[in-house]
PDB file of all heavy atoms in Angstrom:
ATOM      1  N   SER A   1       8.657   7.657  -0.798  1.00  0.00           N
ATOM      2  CA  SER A   1       7.622   7.593   0.227  1.00  0.00           C
ATOM      3  C   SER A   1       6.295   8.089  -0.341  1.00  0.00           C
ATOM      4  O   SER A   1       6.216   8.610  -1.461  1.00  0.00           O
ATOM      5  CB  SER A   1       8.022   8.472   1.414  1.00  0.00           C
ATOM      6  OG  SER A   1       8.057   9.832   1.009  1.00  0.00           O
ATOM      7  N   LYS A   2       5.259   7.953   0.460  1.00  0.00           N
ATOM      8  CA  LYS A   2       3.920   8.374   0.049  1.00  0.00           C
ATOM      9  C   LYS A   2       3.883   9.870  -0.267  1.00  0.00           C
ATOM     10  O   LYS A   2       3.277  10.295  -1.249  1.00  0.00           O
ATOM     11  CB  LYS A   2       2.918   8.038   1.154  1.00  0.00           C
ATOM     12  CG  LYS A   2       1.477   8.361   0.812  1.00  0.00           C
ATOM     13  CD  LYS A   2       0.554   7.954   1.934  1.00  0.00           C
ATOM     14  CE  LYS A   2      -0.897   8.295   1.603  1.00  0.00           C
ATOM     15  NZ  LYS A   2      -1.812   7.898   2.705  1.00  0.00           N
ATOM     16  N   HIS A   3       4.531  10.681   0.557  1.00  0.00           N
ATOM     17  CA  HIS A   3       4.545  12.124   0.337  1.00  0.00           C
ATOM     18  C   HIS A   3       5.209  12.483  -0.989  1.00  0.00           C
ATOM     19  O   HIS A   3       4.715  13.343  -1.735  1.00  0.00           O
ATOM     20  CB  HIS A   3       5.282  12.831   1.480  1.00  0.00           C
ATOM     21  CG  HIS A   3       4.385  13.200   2.609  1.00  0.00           C
ATOM     22  ND1 HIS A   3       4.822  13.337   3.898  1.00  0.00           N
ATOM     23  CD2 HIS A   3       3.056  13.456   2.652  1.00  0.00           C
ATOM     24  CE1 HIS A   3       3.808  13.664   4.684  1.00  0.00           C
ATOM     25  NE2 HIS A   3       2.728  13.741   3.946  1.00  0.00           N
ATOM     26  N   ILE A   4       6.313  11.843  -1.280  1.00  0.00           N
ATOM     27  CA  ILE A   4       7.047  12.178  -2.505  1.00  0.00           C
ATOM     28  C   ILE A   4       6.291  11.694  -3.738  1.00  0.00           C
ATOM     29  O   ILE A   4       6.257  12.382  -4.766  1.00  0.00           O
ATOM     30  CB  ILE A   4       8.478  11.601  -2.468  1.00  0.00           C
ATOM     31  CG1 ILE A   4       9.244  12.209  -1.292  1.00  0.00           C
ATOM     32  CG2 ILE A   4       9.199  11.880  -3.777  1.00  0.00           C
ATOM     33  CD1 ILE A   4       9.261  13.731  -1.265  1.00  0.00           C
ATOM     34  N   ASN A   5       5.667  10.528  -3.659  1.00  0.00           N
ATOM     35  CA  ASN A   5       4.864  10.057  -4.789  1.00  0.00           C
ATOM     36  C   ASN A   5       3.696  11.000  -5.053  1.00  0.00           C
ATOM     37  O   ASN A   5       3.354  11.287  -6.199  1.00  0.00           O
ATOM     38  CB  ASN A   5       4.350   8.641  -4.523  1.00  0.00           C
ATOM     39  CG  ASN A   5       5.412   7.583  -4.774  1.00  0.00           C
ATOM     40  OD1 ASN A   5       6.294   7.774  -5.608  1.00  0.00           O
ATOM     41  ND2 ASN A   5       5.350   6.481  -4.048  1.00  0.00           N
ATOM     42  N   ALA A   6       3.061  11.477  -3.969  1.00  0.00           N
ATOM     43  CA  ALA A   6       1.963  12.438  -4.118  1.00  0.00           C
ATOM     44  C   ALA A   6       2.473  13.737  -4.718  1.00  0.00           C
ATOM     45  O   ALA A   6       1.802  14.380  -5.541  1.00  0.00           O
ATOM     46  CB  ALA A   6       1.309  12.690  -2.765  1.00  0.00           C
ATOM     47  N   CYS A   7       3.668  14.117  -4.323  1.00  0.00           N
ATOM     48  CA  CYS A   7       4.306  15.322  -4.841  1.00  0.00           C
ATOM     49  C   CYS A   7       4.552  15.187  -6.351  1.00  0.00           C
ATOM     50  O   CYS A   7       4.246  16.091  -7.133  1.00  0.00           O
ATOM     51  CB  CYS A   7       5.622  15.539  -4.103  1.00  0.00           C
ATOM     52  SG  CYS A   7       6.389  17.138  -4.371  1.00  0.00           S
ATOM     53  N   LYS A   8       5.082  14.059  -6.759  1.00  0.00           N
ATOM     54  CA  LYS A   8       5.348  13.819  -8.179  1.00  0.00           C
ATOM     55  C   LYS A   8       4.052  13.809  -8.984  1.00  0.00           C
ATOM     56  O   LYS A   8       4.005  14.302 -10.116  1.00  0.00           O
ATOM     57  CB  LYS A   8       6.081  12.488  -8.358  1.00  0.00           C
ATOM     58  CG  LYS A   8       7.537  12.509  -7.925  1.00  0.00           C
ATOM     59  CD  LYS A   8       8.177  11.150  -8.189  1.00  0.00           C
ATOM     60  CE  LYS A   8       9.675  11.167  -7.921  1.00  0.00           C
ATOM     61  NZ  LYS A   8      10.291   9.851  -8.214  1.00  0.00           N
ATOM     62  N   GLU A   9       3.008  13.234  -8.397  1.00  0.00           N
ATOM     63  CA  GLU A   9       1.729  13.170  -9.103  1.00  0.00           C
ATOM     64  C   GLU A   9       1.162  14.570  -9.310  1.00  0.00           C
ATOM     65  O   GLU A   9       0.621  14.887 -10.370  1.00  0.00           O
ATOM     66  CB  GLU A   9       0.738  12.302  -8.332  1.00  0.00           C
ATOM     67  CG  GLU A   9      -0.545  12.059  -9.088  1.00  0.00           C
ATOM     68  CD  GLU A   9      -1.290  10.832  -8.600  1.00  0.00           C
ATOM     69  OE1 GLU A   9      -0.661   9.765  -8.438  1.00  0.00           O
ATOM     70  OE2 GLU A   9      -2.495  10.945  -8.380  1.00  0.00           O
ATOM     71  N   TYR A  10       1.288  15.416  -8.304  1.00  0.00           N
ATOM     72  CA  TYR A  10       0.811  16.790  -8.433  1.00  0.00           C
ATOM     73  C   TYR A  10       1.594  17.520  -9.529  1.00  0.00           C
ATOM     74  O   TYR A  10       1.010  18.245 -10.350  1.00  0.00           O
ATOM     75  CB  TYR A  10       0.953  17.529  -7.108  1.00  0.00           C
ATOM     76  CG  TYR A  10       0.438  18.950  -7.165  1.00  0.00           C
ATOM     77  CD1 TYR A  10      -0.891  19.241  -6.857  1.00  0.00           C
ATOM     78  CD2 TYR A  10       1.279  20.001  -7.543  1.00  0.00           C
ATOM     79  CE1 TYR A  10      -1.367  20.547  -6.928  1.00  0.00           C
ATOM     80  CE2 TYR A  10       0.807  21.302  -7.616  1.00  0.00           C
ATOM     81  CZ  TYR A  10      -0.514  21.573  -7.310  1.00  0.00           C
ATOM     82  OH  TYR A  10      -0.989  22.854  -7.397  1.00  0.00           O
ATOM     83  N   ILE A  11       2.894  17.324  -9.538  1.00  0.00           N
ATOM     84  CA  ILE A  11       3.730  17.978 -10.546  1.00  0.00           C
ATOM     85  C   ILE A  11       3.323  17.529 -11.942  1.00  0.00           C
ATOM     86  O   ILE A  11       3.200  18.344 -12.863  1.00  0.00           O
ATOM     87  CB  ILE A  11       5.224  17.679 -10.290  1.00  0.00           C
ATOM     88  CG1 ILE A  11       5.685  18.380  -8.999  1.00  0.00           C
ATOM     89  CG2 ILE A  11       6.091  18.119 -11.474  1.00  0.00           C
ATOM     90  CD1 ILE A  11       7.056  17.946  -8.517  1.00  0.00           C
ATOM     91  N   TYR A  12       3.079  16.237 -12.113  1.00  0.00           N
ATOM     92  CA  TYR A  12       2.664  15.734 -13.422  1.00  0.00           C
ATOM     93  C   TYR A  12       1.345  16.375 -13.855  1.00  0.00           C
ATOM     94  O   TYR A  12       1.185  16.785 -15.010  1.00  0.00           O
ATOM     95  CB  TYR A  12       2.507  14.214 -13.384  1.00  0.00           C
ATOM     96  CG  TYR A  12       2.025  13.650 -14.697  1.00  0.00           C
ATOM     97  CD1 TYR A  12       2.919  13.357 -15.712  1.00  0.00           C
ATOM     98  CD2 TYR A  12       0.661  13.449 -14.933  1.00  0.00           C
ATOM     99  CE1 TYR A  12       2.475  12.876 -16.935  1.00  0.00           C
ATOM    100  CE2 TYR A  12       0.209  12.974 -16.145  1.00  0.00           C
ATOM    101  CZ  TYR A  12       1.119  12.684 -17.140  1.00  0.00           C
ATOM    102  OH  TYR A  12       0.678  12.221 -18.362  1.00  0.00           O
ATOM    103  N   SER A  13       0.394  16.453 -12.915  1.00  0.00           N
ATOM    104  CA  SER A  13      -0.937  16.972 -13.239  1.00  0.00           C
ATOM    105  C   SER A  13      -0.929  18.470 -13.531  1.00  0.00           C
ATOM    106  O   SER A  13      -1.825  18.974 -14.216  1.00  0.00           O
ATOM    107  CB  SER A  13      -1.905  16.694 -12.086  1.00  0.00           C
ATOM    108  OG  SER A  13      -1.983  15.318 -11.811  1.00  0.00           O
ATOM    109  N   HIS A  14       0.060  19.199 -12.999  1.00  0.00           N
ATOM    110  CA  HIS A  14       0.086  20.657 -13.134  1.00  0.00           C
ATOM    111  C   HIS A  14       1.353  21.138 -13.838  1.00  0.00           C
ATOM    112  O   HIS A  14       1.778  22.276 -13.648  1.00  0.00           O
ATOM    113  CB  HIS A  14      -0.022  21.311 -11.756  1.00  0.00           C
ATOM    114  CG  HIS A  14      -1.295  20.984 -11.034  1.00  0.00           C
ATOM    115  ND1 HIS A  14      -1.484  19.796 -10.353  1.00  0.00           N
ATOM    116  CD2 HIS A  14      -2.440  21.686 -10.888  1.00  0.00           C
ATOM    117  CE1 HIS A  14      -2.689  19.786  -9.818  1.00  0.00           C
ATOM    118  NE2 HIS A  14      -3.295  20.920 -10.135  1.00  0.00           N
ATOM    119  N   ILE A  15       1.936  20.273 -14.677  1.00  0.00           N
ATOM    120  CA  ILE A  15       3.239  20.576 -15.262  1.00  0.00           C
ATOM    121  C   ILE A  15       3.200  21.824 -16.146  1.00  0.00           C
ATOM    122  O   ILE A  15       4.209  22.494 -16.333  1.00  0.00           O
ATOM    123  CB  ILE A  15       3.772  19.359 -16.073  1.00  0.00           C
ATOM    124  CG1 ILE A  15       5.264  19.534 -16.394  1.00  0.00           C
ATOM    125  CG2 ILE A  15       2.948  19.147 -17.337  1.00  0.00           C
ATOM    126  CD1 ILE A  15       6.152  19.561 -15.186  1.00  0.00           C
ATOM    127  N   LYS A  16       2.026  22.171 -16.672  1.00  0.00           N
ATOM    128  CA  LYS A  16       1.926  23.346 -17.535  1.00  0.00           C
ATOM    129  C   LYS A  16       1.819  24.641 -16.735  1.00  0.00           C
ATOM    130  O   LYS A  16       1.841  25.726 -17.305  1.00  0.00           O
ATOM    131  CB  LYS A  16       0.713  23.210 -18.468  1.00  0.00           C
ATOM    132  CG  LYS A  16       0.829  22.048 -19.446  1.00  0.00           C
ATOM    133  CD  LYS A  16      -0.436  21.885 -20.246  1.00  0.00           C
ATOM    134  CE  LYS A  16      -0.352  20.645 -21.139  1.00  0.00           C
ATOM    135  NZ  LYS A  16      -1.616  20.400 -21.870  1.00  0.00           N
ATOM    136  N   GLU A  17       1.703  24.508 -15.421  1.00  0.00           N
ATOM    137  CA  GLU A  17       1.570  25.684 -14.568  1.00  0.00           C
ATOM    138  C   GLU A  17       2.910  26.019 -13.914  1.00  0.00           C
ATOM    139  O   GLU A  17       3.856  25.249 -13.971  1.00  0.00           O
ATOM    140  CB  GLU A  17       0.516  25.421 -13.484  1.00  0.00           C
ATOM    141  CG  GLU A  17      -0.842  25.013 -14.030  1.00  0.00           C
ATOM    142  CD  GLU A  17      -1.770  24.505 -12.941  1.00  0.00           C
ATOM    143  OE1 GLU A  17      -1.478  24.743 -11.745  1.00  0.00           O
ATOM    144  OE2 GLU A  17      -2.781  23.852 -13.282  1.00  0.00           O
ATOM    145  N   ARG A  18       2.945  27.179 -13.268  1.00  0.00           N
ATOM    146  CA  ARG A  18       4.113  27.538 -12.459  1.00  0.00           C
ATOM    147  C   ARG A  18       3.910  26.904 -11.084  1.00  0.00           C
ATOM    148  O   ARG A  18       2.933  27.179 -10.387  1.00  0.00           O
ATOM    149  CB  ARG A  18       4.237  29.050 -12.341  1.00  0.00           C
ATOM    150  CG  ARG A  18       5.461  29.491 -11.537  1.00  0.00           C
ATOM    151  CD  ARG A  18       5.591  31.006 -11.530  1.00  0.00           C
ATOM    152  NE  ARG A  18       6.752  31.417 -10.731  1.00  0.00           N
ATOM    153  CZ  ARG A  18       6.713  31.628  -9.418  1.00  0.00           C
ATOM    154  NH1 ARG A  18       5.573  31.465  -8.743  1.00  0.00           N
ATOM    155  NH2 ARG A  18       7.799  32.005  -8.768  1.00  0.00           N
ATOM    156  N   ILE A  19       4.826  26.012 -10.700  1.00  0.00           N
ATOM    157  CA  ILE A  19       4.696  25.261  -9.452  1.00  0.00           C
ATOM    158  C   ILE A  19       5.820  25.661  -8.503  1.00  0.00           C
ATOM    159  O   ILE A  19       6.989  25.685  -8.896  1.00  0.00           O
ATOM    160  CB  ILE A  19       4.773  23.744  -9.700  1.00  0.00           C
ATOM    161  CG1 ILE A  19       3.778  23.321 -10.785  1.00  0.00           C
ATOM    162  CG2 ILE A  19       4.503  22.965  -8.415  1.00  0.00           C
ATOM    163  CD1 ILE A  19       3.980  21.901 -11.273  1.00  0.00           C
ATOM    164  N   THR A  20       5.474  25.939  -7.280  1.00  0.00           N
ATOM    165  CA  THR A  20       6.488  26.271  -6.276  1.00  0.00           C
ATOM    166  C   THR A  20       6.466  25.233  -5.161  1.00  0.00           C
ATOM    167  O   THR A  20       5.503  24.473  -5.014  1.00  0.00           O
ATOM    168  CB  THR A  20       6.217  27.657  -5.656  1.00  0.00           C
ATOM    169  OG1 THR A  20       4.990  27.606  -4.903  1.00  0.00           O
ATOM    170  CG2 THR A  20       6.107  28.721  -6.752  1.00  0.00           C
ATOM    171  N   ILE A  21       7.516  25.210  -4.372  1.00  0.00           N
ATOM    172  CA  ILE A  21       7.583  24.307  -3.231  1.00  0.00           C
ATOM    173  C   ILE A  21       6.469  24.611  -2.241  1.00  0.00           C
ATOM    174  O   ILE A  21       5.923  23.721  -1.591  1.00  0.00           O
ATOM    175  CB  ILE A  21       8.968  24.389  -2.542  1.00  0.00           C
ATOM    176  CG1 ILE A  21       9.092  23.359  -1.424  1.00  0.00           C
ATOM    177  CG2 ILE A  21       9.232  25.790  -2.045  1.00  0.00           C
ATOM    178  CD1 ILE A  21       9.091  21.929  -1.876  1.00  0.00           C
ATOM    179  N   GLU A  22       6.080  25.892  -2.150  1.00  0.00           N
ATOM    180  CA  GLU A  22       4.988  26.282  -1.262  1.00  0.00           C
ATOM    181  C   GLU A  22       3.653  25.696  -1.733  1.00  0.00           C
ATOM    182  O   GLU A  22       2.839  25.261  -0.906  1.00  0.00           O
ATOM    183  CB  GLU A  22       4.886  27.812  -1.173  1.00  0.00           C
ATOM    184  CG  GLU A  22       6.000  28.482  -0.388  1.00  0.00           C
ATOM    185  CD  GLU A  22       7.314  28.542  -1.146  1.00  0.00           C
ATOM    186  OE1 GLU A  22       7.290  28.411  -2.394  1.00  0.00           O
ATOM    187  OE2 GLU A  22       8.374  28.709  -0.494  1.00  0.00           O
ATOM    188  N   ASP A  23       3.446  25.672  -3.061  1.00  0.00           N
ATOM    189  CA  ASP A  23       2.228  25.059  -3.609  1.00  0.00           C
ATOM    190  C   ASP A  23       2.140  23.596  -3.208  1.00  0.00           C
ATOM    191  O   ASP A  23       1.091  23.111  -2.749  1.00  0.00           O
ATOM    192  CB  ASP A  23       2.220  25.156  -5.141  1.00  0.00           C
ATOM    193  CG  ASP A  23       2.151  26.585  -5.637  1.00  0.00           C
ATOM    194  OD1 ASP A  23       1.570  27.430  -4.932  1.00  0.00           O
ATOM    195  OD2 ASP A  23       2.690  26.847  -6.731  1.00  0.00           O
ATOM    196  N   LEU A  24       3.240  22.887  -3.385  1.00  0.00           N
ATOM    197  CA  LEU A  24       3.273  21.462  -3.073  1.00  0.00           C
ATOM    198  C   LEU A  24       3.074  21.218  -1.579  1.00  0.00           C
ATOM    199  O   LEU A  24       2.350  20.305  -1.177  1.00  0.00           O
ATOM    200  CB  LEU A  24       4.601  20.863  -3.534  1.00  0.00           C
ATOM    201  CG  LEU A  24       4.843  20.881  -5.049  1.00  0.00           C
ATOM    202  CD1 LEU A  24       6.293  20.546  -5.348  1.00  0.00           C
ATOM    203  CD2 LEU A  24       3.919  19.894  -5.741  1.00  0.00           C
ATOM    204  N   ALA A  25       3.709  22.023  -0.762  1.00  0.00           N
ATOM    205  CA  ALA A  25       3.596  21.865   0.683  1.00  0.00           C
ATOM    206  C   ALA A  25       2.157  22.081   1.138  1.00  0.00           C
ATOM    207  O   ALA A  25       1.644  21.353   1.992  1.00  0.00           O
ATOM    208  CB  ALA A  25       4.533  22.840   1.393  1.00  0.00           C
ATOM    209  N   ASP A  26       1.486  23.074   0.557  1.00  0.00           N
ATOM    210  CA  ASP A  26       0.089  23.336   0.911  1.00  0.00           C
ATOM    211  C   ASP A  26      -0.805  22.158   0.541  1.00  0.00           C
ATOM    212  O   ASP A  26      -1.697  21.770   1.303  1.00  0.00           O
ATOM    213  CB  ASP A  26      -0.407  24.598   0.191  1.00  0.00           C
ATOM    214  CG  ASP A  26       0.161  25.869   0.789  1.00  0.00           C
ATOM    215  OD1 ASP A  26       0.668  25.810   1.926  1.00  0.00           O
ATOM    216  OD2 ASP A  26       0.103  26.911   0.113  1.00  0.00           O
ATOM    217  N   VAL A  27      -0.569  21.593  -0.631  1.00  0.00           N
ATOM    218  CA  VAL A  27      -1.385  20.457  -1.082  1.00  0.00           C
ATOM    219  C   VAL A  27      -1.198  19.255  -0.159  1.00  0.00           C
ATOM    220  O   VAL A  27      -2.161  18.549   0.183  1.00  0.00           O
ATOM    221  CB  VAL A  27      -1.007  20.071  -2.531  1.00  0.00           C
ATOM    222  CG1 VAL A  27      -1.651  18.744  -2.918  1.00  0.00           C
ATOM    223  CG2 VAL A  27      -1.435  21.169  -3.495  1.00  0.00           C
ATOM    224  N   LEU A  28       0.038  19.016   0.278  1.00  0.00           N
ATOM    225  CA  LEU A  28       0.341  17.846   1.108  1.00  0.00           C
ATOM    226  C   LEU A  28       0.122  18.107   2.596  1.00  0.00           C
ATOM    227  O   LEU A  28       0.135  17.162   3.399  1.00  0.00           O
ATOM    228  CB  LEU A  28       1.785  17.403   0.874  1.00  0.00           C
ATOM    229  CG  LEU A  28       2.122  16.956  -0.553  1.00  0.00           C
ATOM    230  CD1 LEU A  28       3.586  16.575  -0.656  1.00  0.00           C
ATOM    231  CD2 LEU A  28       1.252  15.787  -0.981  1.00  0.00           C
ATOM    232  N   GLY A  29      -0.052  19.361   2.948  1.00  0.00           N
ATOM    233  CA  GLY A  29      -0.270  19.680   4.356  1.00  0.00           C
ATOM    234  C   GLY A  29       0.970  19.554   5.210  1.00  0.00           C
ATOM    235  O   GLY A  29       0.898  19.171   6.387  1.00  0.00           O
ATOM    236  N   VAL A  30       2.130  19.865   4.628  1.00  0.00           N
ATOM    237  CA  VAL A  30       3.394  19.826   5.372  1.00  0.00           C
ATOM    238  C   VAL A  30       4.106  21.150   5.174  1.00  0.00           C
ATOM    239  O   VAL A  30       3.704  21.979   4.341  1.00  0.00           O
ATOM    240  CB  VAL A  30       4.296  18.662   4.908  1.00  0.00           C
ATOM    241  CG1 VAL A  30       3.616  17.324   5.148  1.00  0.00           C
ATOM    242  CG2 VAL A  30       4.658  18.814   3.417  1.00  0.00           C
ATOM    243  N   SER A  31       5.184  21.363   5.911  1.00  0.00           N
ATOM    244  CA  SER A  31       5.937  22.606   5.742  1.00  0.00           C
ATOM    245  C   SER A  31       6.818  22.534   4.503  1.00  0.00           C
ATOM    246  O   SER A  31       7.249  21.448   4.086  1.00  0.00           O
ATOM    247  CB  SER A  31       6.806  22.871   6.971  1.00  0.00           C
ATOM    248  OG  SER A  31       7.883  21.948   7.034  1.00  0.00           O
ATOM    249  N   ALA A  32       7.067  23.682   3.920  1.00  0.00           N
ATOM    250  CA  ALA A  32       7.895  23.737   2.718  1.00  0.00           C
ATOM    251  C   ALA A  32       9.324  23.266   2.995  1.00  0.00           C
ATOM    252  O   ALA A  32       9.925  22.567   2.168  1.00  0.00           O
ATOM    253  CB  ALA A  32       7.921  25.165   2.164  1.00  0.00           C
ATOM    254  N   SER A  33       9.845  23.601   4.166  1.00  0.00           N
ATOM    255  CA  SER A  33      11.219  23.199   4.496  1.00  0.00           C
ATOM    256  C   SER A  33      11.322  21.685   4.655  1.00  0.00           C
ATOM    257  O   SER A  33      12.296  21.066   4.197  1.00  0.00           O
ATOM    258  CB  SER A  33      11.680  23.899   5.776  1.00  0.00           C
ATOM    259  OG  SER A  33      10.812  23.589   6.855  1.00  0.00           O
ATOM    260  N   TYR A  34      10.311  21.095   5.302  1.00  0.00           N
ATOM    261  CA  TYR A  34      10.312  19.633   5.484  1.00  0.00           C
ATOM    262  C   TYR A  34      10.234  18.932   4.126  1.00  0.00           C
ATOM    263  O   TYR A  34      10.999  17.996   3.853  1.00  0.00           O
ATOM    264  CB  TYR A  34       9.138  19.210   6.350  1.00  0.00           C
ATOM    265  CG  TYR A  34       8.861  17.724   6.318  1.00  0.00           C
ATOM    266  CD1 TYR A  34       9.648  16.829   7.052  1.00  0.00           C
ATOM    267  CD2 TYR A  34       7.825  17.208   5.538  1.00  0.00           C
ATOM    268  CE1 TYR A  34       9.412  15.460   7.005  1.00  0.00           C
ATOM    269  CE2 TYR A  34       7.583  15.842   5.489  1.00  0.00           C
ATOM    270  CZ  TYR A  34       8.377  14.974   6.222  1.00  0.00           C
ATOM    271  OH  TYR A  34       8.138  13.618   6.170  1.00  0.00           O
ATOM    272  N   LEU A  35       9.324  19.390   3.271  1.00  0.00           N
ATOM    273  CA  LEU A  35       9.151  18.768   1.960  1.00  0.00           C
ATOM    274  C   LEU A  35      10.404  18.919   1.121  1.00  0.00           C
ATOM    275  O   LEU A  35      10.807  17.998   0.412  1.00  0.00           O
ATOM    276  CB  LEU A  35       7.954  19.372   1.242  1.00  0.00           C
ATOM    277  CG  LEU A  35       7.607  18.764  -0.120  1.00  0.00           C
ATOM    278  CD1 LEU A  35       7.304  17.272   0.018  1.00  0.00           C
ATOM    279  CD2 LEU A  35       6.431  19.496  -0.754  1.00  0.00           C
ATOM    280  N   SER A  36      11.033  20.071   1.216  1.00  0.00           N
ATOM    281  CA  SER A  36      12.252  20.320   0.449  1.00  0.00           C
ATOM    282  C   SER A  36      13.358  19.355   0.849  1.00  0.00           C
ATOM    283  O   SER A  36      14.032  18.759  -0.014  1.00  0.00           O
ATOM    284  CB  SER A  36      12.711  21.766   0.660  1.00  0.00           C
ATOM    285  OG  SER A  36      13.883  22.032  -0.074  1.00  0.00           O
ATOM    286  N   ARG A  37      13.519  19.154   2.156  1.00  0.00           N
ATOM    287  CA  ARG A  37      14.557  18.227   2.644  1.00  0.00           C
ATOM    288  C   ARG A  37      14.226  16.793   2.254  1.00  0.00           C
ATOM    289  O   ARG A  37      15.111  16.037   1.807  1.00  0.00           O
ATOM    290  CB  ARG A  37      14.684  18.335   4.164  1.00  0.00           C
ATOM    291  CG  ARG A  37      15.300  19.638   4.661  1.00  0.00           C
ATOM    292  CD  ARG A  37      15.710  19.520   6.125  1.00  0.00           C
ATOM    293  NE  ARG A  37      14.575  19.137   6.972  1.00  0.00           N
ATOM    294  CZ  ARG A  37      13.743  20.000   7.540  1.00  0.00           C
ATOM    295  NH1 ARG A  37      13.899  21.307   7.335  1.00  0.00           N
ATOM    296  NH2 ARG A  37      12.757  19.575   8.310  1.00  0.00           N
ATOM    297  N   LEU A  38      12.967  16.405   2.419  1.00  0.00           N
ATOM    298  CA  LEU A  38      12.554  15.036   2.115  1.00  0.00           C
ATOM    299  C   LEU A  38      12.716  14.732   0.630  1.00  0.00           C
ATOM    300  O   LEU A  38      13.204  13.665   0.242  1.00  0.00           O
ATOM    301  CB  LEU A  38      11.092  14.821   2.533  1.00  0.00           C
ATOM    302  CG  LEU A  38      10.526  13.417   2.338  1.00  0.00           C
ATOM    303  CD1 LEU A  38      11.252  12.417   3.241  1.00  0.00           C
ATOM    304  CD2 LEU A  38       9.026  13.390   2.618  1.00  0.00           C
ATOM    305  N   PHE A  39      12.334  15.680  -0.209  1.00  0.00           N
ATOM    306  CA  PHE A  39      12.428  15.482  -1.658  1.00  0.00           C
ATOM    307  C   PHE A  39      13.879  15.309  -2.085  1.00  0.00           C
ATOM    308  O   PHE A  39      14.208  14.401  -2.850  1.00  0.00           O
ATOM    309  CB  PHE A  39      11.792  16.664  -2.390  1.00  0.00           C
ATOM    310  CG  PHE A  39      11.468  16.386  -3.825  1.00  0.00           C
ATOM    311  CD1 PHE A  39      10.189  15.989  -4.204  1.00  0.00           C
ATOM    312  CD2 PHE A  39      12.429  16.514  -4.822  1.00  0.00           C
ATOM    313  CE1 PHE A  39       9.884  15.727  -5.529  1.00  0.00           C
ATOM    314  CE2 PHE A  39      12.142  16.258  -6.146  1.00  0.00           C
ATOM    315  CZ  PHE A  39      10.867  15.857  -6.507  1.00  0.00           C
ATOM    316  N   LYS A  40      14.734  16.169  -1.591  1.00  0.00           N
ATOM    317  CA  LYS A  40      16.154  16.087  -1.951  1.00  0.00           C
ATOM    318  C   LYS A  40      16.757  14.777  -1.471  1.00  0.00           C
ATOM    319  O   LYS A  40      17.563  14.137  -2.180  1.00  0.00           O
ATOM    320  CB  LYS A  40      16.903  17.277  -1.319  1.00  0.00           C
ATOM    321  CG  LYS A  40      18.388  17.338  -1.671  1.00  0.00           C
ATOM    322  CD  LYS A  40      18.597  17.583  -3.149  1.00  0.00           C
ATOM    323  CE  LYS A  40      20.068  17.671  -3.524  1.00  0.00           C
ATOM    324  NZ  LYS A  40      20.741  18.850  -2.967  1.00  0.00           N
ATOM    325  N   LYS A  41      16.344  14.317  -0.289  1.00  0.00           N
ATOM    326  CA  LYS A  41      16.875  13.081   0.268  1.00  0.00           C
ATOM    327  C   LYS A  41      16.449  11.868  -0.558  1.00  0.00           C
ATOM    328  O   LYS A  41      17.259  10.981  -0.845  1.00  0.00           O
ATOM    329  CB  LYS A  41      16.383  12.912   1.712  1.00  0.00           C
ATOM    330  CG  LYS A  41      16.814  11.617   2.372  1.00  0.00           C
ATOM    331  CD  LYS A  41      16.245  11.499   3.781  1.00  0.00           C
ATOM    332  CE  LYS A  41      16.617  10.159   4.417  1.00  0.00           C
ATOM    333  NZ  LYS A  41      16.028  10.016   5.783  1.00  0.00           N
ATOM    334  N   GLU A  42      15.182  11.815  -0.964  1.00  0.00           N
ATOM    335  CA  GLU A  42      14.660  10.631  -1.652  1.00  0.00           C
ATOM    336  C   GLU A  42      14.891  10.653  -3.155  1.00  0.00           C
ATOM    337  O   GLU A  42      15.138   9.615  -3.768  1.00  0.00           O
ATOM    338  CB  GLU A  42      13.164  10.479  -1.359  1.00  0.00           C
ATOM    339  CG  GLU A  42      12.851  10.171   0.095  1.00  0.00           C
ATOM    340  CD  GLU A  42      11.425   9.696   0.298  1.00  0.00           C
ATOM    341  OE1 GLU A  42      10.784   9.289  -0.699  1.00  0.00           O
ATOM    342  OE2 GLU A  42      10.944   9.724   1.442  1.00  0.00           O
ATOM    343  N   VAL A  43      14.791  11.814  -3.764  1.00  0.00           N
ATOM    344  CA  VAL A  43      14.887  11.902  -5.225  1.00  0.00           C
ATOM    345  C   VAL A  43      16.308  12.234  -5.675  1.00  0.00           C
ATOM    346  O   VAL A  43      16.721  11.876  -6.778  1.00  0.00           O
ATOM    347  CB  VAL A  43      13.881  12.939  -5.769  1.00  0.00           C
ATOM    348  CG1 VAL A  43      13.917  12.993  -7.293  1.00  0.00           C
ATOM    349  CG2 VAL A  43      12.470  12.601  -5.301  1.00  0.00           C
ATOM    350  N   GLY A  44      17.051  12.910  -4.801  1.00  0.00           N
ATOM    351  CA  GLY A  44      18.432  13.213  -5.137  1.00  0.00           C
ATOM    352  C   GLY A  44      18.640  14.561  -5.774  1.00  0.00           C
ATOM    353  O   GLY A  44      19.785  14.964  -6.020  1.00  0.00           O
ATOM    354  N   VAL A  45      17.555  15.247  -6.086  1.00  0.00           N
ATOM    355  CA  VAL A  45      17.634  16.598  -6.640  1.00  0.00           C
ATOM    356  C   VAL A  45      16.610  17.463  -5.929  1.00  0.00           C
ATOM    357  O   VAL A  45      15.697  16.966  -5.271  1.00  0.00           O
ATOM    358  CB  VAL A  45      17.360  16.622  -8.171  1.00  0.00           C
ATOM    359  CG1 VAL A  45      18.417  15.851  -8.917  1.00  0.00           C
ATOM    360  CG2 VAL A  45      15.972  16.071  -8.470  1.00  0.00           C
ATOM    361  N   SER A  46      16.740  18.764  -6.074  1.00  0.00           N
ATOM    362  CA  SER A  46      15.774  19.673  -5.456  1.00  0.00           C
ATOM    363  C   SER A  46      14.442  19.625  -6.190  1.00  0.00           C
ATOM    364  O   SER A  46      14.361  19.149  -7.335  1.00  0.00           O
ATOM    365  CB  SER A  46      16.316  21.104  -5.477  1.00  0.00           C
ATOM    366  OG  SER A  46      16.396  21.574  -6.808  1.00  0.00           O
TER     367      SER A  46
END
């Protein structure tokens, strides 16, 4: 989905940094729990 693609793009751009689920959730404007569930559902891993 759009959210997960945006999530992957952020990870690629900041791969040298320490990235947390909270960082990603803040960037996307969603809750960390929602993003965590969505990511696991679509990508198959946490």
